[in-house]
Amino acid sequence: LKAGQPQQGRDFSRKFTLAFADFTERHRPTLMVLAIVTVVASLWGISRLTVENRFIDYFQKDTEIYQG
């Protein structure tokens, strides 16, 4: 391609990006508290997870799979 000037088109993301940056600057403490609460709630939820891997308990005792 030949070298040239970049075309100036409509920049749809610029307004959104600037608005988002302005929002985060104005609400920094609130966002930090929200992030910390989210992390704490996630860690608490992760600690409550359990894994059940005894699939044999789902079968009745008189079935061939359970007896095997």
PDB file of N, CA and C in Angstrom:
ATOM      1  N   LEU A   1       0.834  -1.179   0.000  1.00  0.00           N
ATOM      2  CA  LEU A   1       0.000   0.000   0.000  1.00  0.00           C
ATOM      3  C   LEU A   1       0.878   1.241   0.000  1.00  0.00           C
ATOM      4  N   LYS A   2       0.361   2.267  -0.605  1.00  0.00           N
ATOM      5  CA  LYS A   2       1.088   3.521  -0.622  1.00  0.00           C
ATOM      6  C   LYS A   2       0.933   4.243   0.707  1.00  0.00           C
ATOM      7  N   ALA A   3       1.987   4.942   1.076  1.00  0.00           N
ATOM      8  CA  ALA A   3       1.910   5.742   2.292  1.00  0.00           C
ATOM      9  C   ALA A   3       0.959   6.904   2.060  1.00  0.00           C
ATOM     10  N   GLY A   4       0.244   7.280   3.079  1.00  0.00           N
ATOM     11  CA  GLY A   4      -0.694   8.386   2.936  1.00  0.00           C
ATOM     12  C   GLY A   4      -1.214   8.820   4.285  1.00  0.00           C
ATOM     13  N   GLN A   5      -2.078   9.760   4.257  1.00  0.00           N
ATOM     14  CA  GLN A   5      -2.696  10.256   5.484  1.00  0.00           C
ATOM     15  C   GLN A   5      -3.854   9.342   5.883  1.00  0.00           C
ATOM     16  N   PRO A   6      -3.981   9.046   7.173  1.00  0.00           N
ATOM     17  CA  PRO A   6      -5.117   8.241   7.605  1.00  0.00           C
ATOM     18  C   PRO A   6      -6.417   9.018   7.402  1.00  0.00           C
ATOM     19  N   GLN A   7      -7.442   8.299   7.051  1.00  0.00           N
ATOM     20  CA  GLN A   7      -8.734   8.946   6.839  1.00  0.00           C
ATOM     21  C   GLN A   7      -9.380   9.252   8.180  1.00  0.00           C
ATOM     22  N   GLN A   8      -9.963  10.405   8.278  1.00  0.00           N
ATOM     23  CA  GLN A   8     -10.656  10.797   9.493  1.00  0.00           C
ATOM     24  C   GLN A   8     -12.111  10.359   9.376  1.00  0.00           C
ATOM     25  N   GLY A   9     -12.473   9.352  10.107  1.00  0.00           N
ATOM     26  CA  GLY A   9     -13.846   8.862  10.097  1.00  0.00           C
ATOM     27  C   GLY A   9     -14.525   9.202  11.410  1.00  0.00           C
ATOM     28  N   ARG A  10     -15.685   8.690  11.564  1.00  0.00           N
ATOM     29  CA  ARG A  10     -16.415   8.907  12.813  1.00  0.00           C
ATOM     30  C   ARG A  10     -15.820   7.997  13.886  1.00  0.00           C
ATOM     31  N   ASP A  11     -15.544   8.574  15.011  1.00  0.00           N
ATOM     32  CA  ASP A  11     -14.974   7.809  16.125  1.00  0.00           C
ATOM     33  C   ASP A  11     -16.085   7.565  17.140  1.00  0.00           C
ATOM     34  N   PHE A  12     -16.667   6.375  17.058  1.00  0.00           N
ATOM     35  CA  PHE A  12     -17.802   6.051  17.919  1.00  0.00           C
ATOM     36  C   PHE A  12     -17.377   5.730  19.343  1.00  0.00           C
ATOM     37  N   SER A  13     -16.193   5.213  19.515  1.00  0.00           N
ATOM     38  CA  SER A  13     -15.793   4.767  20.848  1.00  0.00           C
ATOM     39  C   SER A  13     -15.177   5.882  21.692  1.00  0.00           C
ATOM     40  N   ARG A  14     -14.797   6.986  21.104  1.00  0.00           N
ATOM     41  CA  ARG A  14     -14.131   8.053  21.847  1.00  0.00           C
ATOM     42  C   ARG A  14     -15.022   8.635  22.944  1.00  0.00           C
ATOM     43  N   LYS A  15     -16.272   8.942  22.620  1.00  0.00           N
ATOM     44  CA  LYS A  15     -17.183   9.521  23.614  1.00  0.00           C
ATOM     45  C   LYS A  15     -17.433   8.540  24.755  1.00  0.00           C
ATOM     46  N   PHE A  16     -17.643   7.282  24.398  1.00  0.00           N
ATOM     47  CA  PHE A  16     -17.894   6.265  25.424  1.00  0.00           C
ATOM     48  C   PHE A  16     -16.678   6.089  26.321  1.00  0.00           C
ATOM     49  N   THR A  17     -15.512   6.044  25.736  1.00  0.00           N
ATOM     50  CA  THR A  17     -14.287   5.861  26.509  1.00  0.00           C
ATOM     51  C   THR A  17     -14.049   7.045  27.440  1.00  0.00           C
ATOM     52  N   LEU A  18     -14.245   8.251  26.943  1.00  0.00           N
ATOM     53  CA  LEU A  18     -14.055   9.433  27.784  1.00  0.00           C
ATOM     54  C   LEU A  18     -15.100   9.514  28.896  1.00  0.00           C
ATOM     55  N   ALA A  19     -16.333   9.136  28.589  1.00  0.00           N
ATOM     56  CA  ALA A  19     -17.382   9.138  29.612  1.00  0.00           C
ATOM     57  C   ALA A  19     -17.084   8.093  30.685  1.00  0.00           C
ATOM     58  N   PHE A  20     -16.626   6.936  30.268  1.00  0.00           N
ATOM     59  CA  PHE A  20     -16.285   5.876  31.216  1.00  0.00           C
ATOM     60  C   PHE A  20     -15.106   6.297  32.095  1.00  0.00           C
ATOM     61  N   ALA A  21     -14.105   6.930  31.497  1.00  0.00           N
ATOM     62  CA  ALA A  21     -12.951   7.403  32.266  1.00  0.00           C
ATOM     63  C   ALA A  21     -13.371   8.487  33.252  1.00  0.00           C
ATOM     64  N   ASP A  22     -14.238   9.387  32.833  1.00  0.00           N
ATOM     65  CA  ASP A  22     -14.719  10.444  33.719  1.00  0.00           C
ATOM     66  C   ASP A  22     -15.507   9.851  34.884  1.00  0.00           C
ATOM     67  N   PHE A  23     -16.348   8.869  34.593  1.00  0.00           N
ATOM     68  CA  PHE A  23     -17.131   8.217  35.642  1.00  0.00           C
ATOM     69  C   PHE A  23     -16.225   7.547  36.668  1.00  0.00           C
ATOM     70  N   THR A  24     -15.203   6.844  36.207  1.00  0.00           N
ATOM     71  CA  THR A  24     -14.310   6.155  37.138  1.00  0.00           C
ATOM     72  C   THR A  24     -13.485   7.142  37.958  1.00  0.00           C
ATOM     73  N   GLU A  25     -13.134   8.272  37.382  1.00  0.00           N
ATOM     74  CA  GLU A  25     -12.401   9.287  38.142  1.00  0.00           C
ATOM     75  C   GLU A  25     -13.280   9.900  39.227  1.00  0.00           C
ATOM     76  N   ARG A  26     -14.540  10.154  38.921  1.00  0.00           N
ATOM     77  CA  ARG A  26     -15.441  10.784  39.887  1.00  0.00           C
ATOM     78  C   ARG A  26     -15.890   9.827  40.982  1.00  0.00           C
ATOM     79  N   HIS A  27     -15.967   8.539  40.698  1.00  0.00           N
ATOM     80  CA  HIS A  27     -16.498   7.562  41.658  1.00  0.00           C
ATOM     81  C   HIS A  27     -15.441   6.552  42.096  1.00  0.00           C
ATOM     82  N   ARG A  28     -14.213   6.966  42.167  1.00  0.00           N
ATOM     83  CA  ARG A  28     -13.119   6.050  42.504  1.00  0.00           C
ATOM     84  C   ARG A  28     -13.317   5.334  43.840  1.00  0.00           C
ATOM     85  N   PRO A  29     -13.630   6.044  44.946  1.00  0.00           N
ATOM     86  CA  PRO A  29     -13.794   5.332  46.229  1.00  0.00           C
ATOM     87  C   PRO A  29     -14.943   4.319  46.195  1.00  0.00           C
ATOM     88  N   THR A  30     -16.044   4.687  45.583  1.00  0.00           N
ATOM     89  CA  THR A  30     -17.179   3.773  45.501  1.00  0.00           C
ATOM     90  C   THR A  30     -16.824   2.528  44.698  1.00  0.00           C
ATOM     91  N   LEU A  31     -16.133   2.708  43.601  1.00  0.00           N
ATOM     92  CA  LEU A  31     -15.735   1.575  42.775  1.00  0.00           C
ATOM     93  C   LEU A  31     -14.732   0.677  43.490  1.00  0.00           C
ATOM     94  N   MET A  32     -13.842   1.267  44.270  1.00  0.00           N
ATOM     95  CA  MET A  32     -12.883   0.459  45.036  1.00  0.00           C
ATOM     96  C   MET A  32     -13.605  -0.386  46.079  1.00  0.00           C
ATOM     97  N   VAL A  33     -14.556   0.214  46.787  1.00  0.00           N
ATOM     98  CA  VAL A  33     -15.327  -0.537  47.790  1.00  0.00           C
ATOM     99  C   VAL A  33     -16.118  -1.650  47.110  1.00  0.00           C
ATOM    100  N   LEU A  34     -16.728  -1.339  45.988  1.00  0.00           N
ATOM    101  CA  LEU A  34     -17.486  -2.344  45.253  1.00  0.00           C
ATOM    102  C   LEU A  34     -16.593  -3.489  44.786  1.00  0.00           C
ATOM    103  N   ALA A  35     -15.395  -3.186  44.332  1.00  0.00           N
ATOM    104  CA  ALA A  35     -14.458  -4.224  43.899  1.00  0.00           C
ATOM    105  C   ALA A  35     -14.030  -5.097  45.071  1.00  0.00           C
ATOM    106  N   ILE A  36     -13.747  -4.483  46.213  1.00  0.00           N
ATOM    107  CA  ILE A  36     -13.333  -5.244  47.398  1.00  0.00           C
ATOM    108  C   ILE A  36     -14.464  -6.142  47.874  1.00  0.00           C
ATOM    109  N   VAL A  37     -15.693  -5.622  47.902  1.00  0.00           N
ATOM    110  CA  VAL A  37     -16.851  -6.428  48.315  1.00  0.00           C
ATOM    111  C   VAL A  37     -17.042  -7.598  47.352  1.00  0.00           C
ATOM    112  N   THR A  38     -16.864  -7.365  46.072  1.00  0.00           N
ATOM    113  CA  THR A  38     -17.004  -8.433  45.078  1.00  0.00           C
ATOM    114  C   THR A  38     -15.952  -9.515  45.280  1.00  0.00           C
ATOM    115  N   VAL A  39     -14.721  -9.124  45.550  1.00  0.00           N
ATOM    116  CA  VAL A  39     -13.650 -10.096  45.777  1.00  0.00           C
ATOM    117  C   VAL A  39     -13.923 -10.906  47.042  1.00  0.00           C
ATOM    118  N   VAL A  40     -14.332 -10.236  48.111  1.00  0.00           N
ATOM    119  CA  VAL A  40     -14.616 -10.940  49.368  1.00  0.00           C
ATOM    120  C   VAL A  40     -15.788 -11.905  49.182  1.00  0.00           C
ATOM    121  N   ALA A  41     -16.850 -11.459  48.518  1.00  0.00           N
ATOM    122  CA  ALA A  41     -17.996 -12.337  48.281  1.00  0.00           C
ATOM    123  C   ALA A  41     -17.602 -13.521  47.398  1.00  0.00           C
ATOM    124  N   SER A  42     -16.757 -13.299  46.424  1.00  0.00           N
ATOM    125  CA  SER A  42     -16.301 -14.388  45.556  1.00  0.00           C
ATOM    126  C   SER A  42     -15.477 -15.403  46.332  1.00  0.00           C
ATOM    127  N   LEU A  43     -14.564 -14.919  47.161  1.00  0.00           N
ATOM    128  CA  LEU A  43     -13.750 -15.834  47.965  1.00  0.00           C
ATOM    129  C   LEU A  43     -14.612 -16.624  48.936  1.00  0.00           C
ATOM    130  N   TRP A  44     -15.596 -15.975  49.531  1.00  0.00           N
ATOM    131  CA  TRP A  44     -16.504 -16.682  50.441  1.00  0.00           C
ATOM    132  C   TRP A  44     -17.277 -17.750  49.672  1.00  0.00           C
ATOM    133  N   GLY A  45     -17.774 -17.408  48.496  1.00  0.00           N
ATOM    134  CA  GLY A  45     -18.519 -18.369  47.690  1.00  0.00           C
ATOM    135  C   GLY A  45     -17.667 -19.540  47.252  1.00  0.00           C
ATOM    136  N   ILE A  46     -16.433 -19.260  46.861  1.00  0.00           N
ATOM    137  CA  ILE A  46     -15.523 -20.332  46.452  1.00  0.00           C
ATOM    138  C   ILE A  46     -15.255 -21.280  47.609  1.00  0.00           C
ATOM    139  N   SER A  47     -15.131 -20.735  48.814  1.00  0.00           N
ATOM    140  CA  SER A  47     -14.864 -21.590  49.971  1.00  0.00           C
ATOM    141  C   SER A  47     -16.052 -22.476  50.321  1.00  0.00           C
ATOM    142  N   ARG A  48     -17.238 -22.128  49.869  1.00  0.00           N
ATOM    143  CA  ARG A  48     -18.441 -22.899  50.161  1.00  0.00           C
ATOM    144  C   ARG A  48     -18.716 -23.994  49.131  1.00  0.00           C
ATOM    145  N   LEU A  49     -17.972 -24.036  48.051  1.00  0.00           N
ATOM    146  CA  LEU A  49     -18.197 -25.045  47.019  1.00  0.00           C
ATOM    147  C   LEU A  49     -17.770 -26.425  47.493  1.00  0.00           C
ATOM    148  N   THR A  50     -18.554 -27.418  47.115  1.00  0.00           N
ATOM    149  CA  THR A  50     -18.190 -28.806  47.401  1.00  0.00           C
ATOM    150  C   THR A  50     -18.347 -29.610  46.109  1.00  0.00           C
ATOM    151  N   VAL A  51     -17.578 -30.662  46.006  1.00  0.00           N
ATOM    152  CA  VAL A  51     -17.628 -31.516  44.826  1.00  0.00           C
ATOM    153  C   VAL A  51     -18.062 -32.904  45.260  1.00  0.00           C
ATOM    154  N   GLU A  52     -19.060 -33.409  44.589  1.00  0.00           N
ATOM    155  CA  GLU A  52     -19.560 -34.747  44.879  1.00  0.00           C
ATOM    156  C   GLU A  52     -19.122 -35.664  43.749  1.00  0.00           C
ATOM    157  N   ASN A  53     -18.277 -36.638  44.050  1.00  0.00           N
ATOM    158  CA  ASN A  53     -17.812 -37.530  43.003  1.00  0.00           C
ATOM    159  C   ASN A  53     -18.145 -38.989  43.279  1.00  0.00           C
ATOM    160  N   ARG A  54     -19.061 -39.254  44.203  1.00  0.00           N
ATOM    161  CA  ARG A  54     -19.500 -40.623  44.467  1.00  0.00           C
ATOM    162  C   ARG A  54     -20.800 -40.873  43.700  1.00  0.00           C
ATOM    163  N   PHE A  55     -20.678 -41.060  42.400  1.00  0.00           N
ATOM    164  CA  PHE A  55     -21.862 -41.240  41.570  1.00  0.00           C
ATOM    165  C   PHE A  55     -22.605 -42.520  41.899  1.00  0.00           C
ATOM    166  N   ILE A  56     -21.957 -43.473  42.539  1.00  0.00           N
ATOM    167  CA  ILE A  56     -22.595 -44.754  42.859  1.00  0.00           C
ATOM    168  C   ILE A  56     -23.760 -44.566  43.825  1.00  0.00           C
ATOM    169  N   ASP A  57     -23.743 -43.494  44.619  1.00  0.00           N
ATOM    170  CA  ASP A  57     -24.822 -43.245  45.574  1.00  0.00           C
ATOM    171  C   ASP A  57     -26.141 -42.894  44.887  1.00  0.00           C
ATOM    172  N   TYR A  58     -26.109 -42.579  43.601  1.00  0.00           N
ATOM    173  CA  TYR A  58     -27.330 -42.243  42.875  1.00  0.00           C
ATOM    174  C   TYR A  58     -28.098 -43.483  42.428  1.00  0.00           C
ATOM    175  N   PHE A  59     -27.507 -44.667  42.563  1.00  0.00           N
ATOM    176  CA  PHE A  59     -28.152 -45.902  42.128  1.00  0.00           C
ATOM    177  C   PHE A  59     -28.690 -46.656  43.332  1.00  0.00           C
ATOM    178  N   GLN A  60     -29.773 -47.395  43.133  1.00  0.00           N
ATOM    179  CA  GLN A  60     -30.327 -48.208  44.206  1.00  0.00           C
ATOM    180  C   GLN A  60     -29.449 -49.427  44.442  1.00  0.00           C
ATOM    181  N   LYS A  61     -29.523 -49.978  45.668  1.00  0.00           N
ATOM    182  CA  LYS A  61     -28.627 -51.069  46.043  1.00  0.00           C
ATOM    183  C   LYS A  61     -28.856 -52.344  45.263  1.00  0.00           C
ATOM    184  N   ASP A  62     -30.056 -52.494  44.698  1.00  0.00           N
ATOM    185  CA  ASP A  62     -30.344 -53.739  43.978  1.00  0.00           C
ATOM    186  C   ASP A  62     -30.022 -53.658  42.478  1.00  0.00           C
ATOM    187  N   THR A  63     -29.434 -52.574  42.034  1.00  0.00           N
ATOM    188  CA  THR A  63     -29.073 -52.459  40.608  1.00  0.00           C
ATOM    189  C   THR A  63     -27.733 -53.135  40.328  1.00  0.00           C
ATOM    190  N   GLU A  64     -27.549 -53.515  39.072  1.00  0.00           N
ATOM    191  CA  GLU A  64     -26.317 -54.191  38.675  1.00  0.00           C
ATOM    192  C   GLU A  64     -25.098 -53.276  38.809  1.00  0.00           C
ATOM    193  N   ILE A  65     -25.284 -52.006  38.525  1.00  0.00           N
ATOM    194  CA  ILE A  65     -24.157 -51.064  38.624  1.00  0.00           C
ATOM    195  C   ILE A  65     -23.698 -50.923  40.066  1.00  0.00           C
ATOM    196  N   TYR A  66     -24.657 -50.815  40.994  1.00  0.00           N
ATOM    197  CA  TYR A  66     -24.298 -50.662  42.422  1.00  0.00           C
ATOM    198  C   TYR A  66     -23.636 -51.930  42.941  1.00  0.00           C
ATOM    199  N   GLN A  67     -24.149 -53.076  42.564  1.00  0.00           N
ATOM    200  CA  GLN A  67     -23.602 -54.339  43.062  1.00  0.00           C
ATOM    201  C   GLN A  67     -22.223 -54.609  42.461  1.00  0.00           C
ATOM    202  N   GLY A  68     -21.984 -54.103  41.258  1.00  0.00           N
ATOM    203  CA  GLY A  68     -20.688 -54.317  40.620  1.00  0.00           C
ATOM    204  C   GLY A  68     -19.617 -53.495  41.299  1.00  0.00           C
TER     205      GLY A  68
END
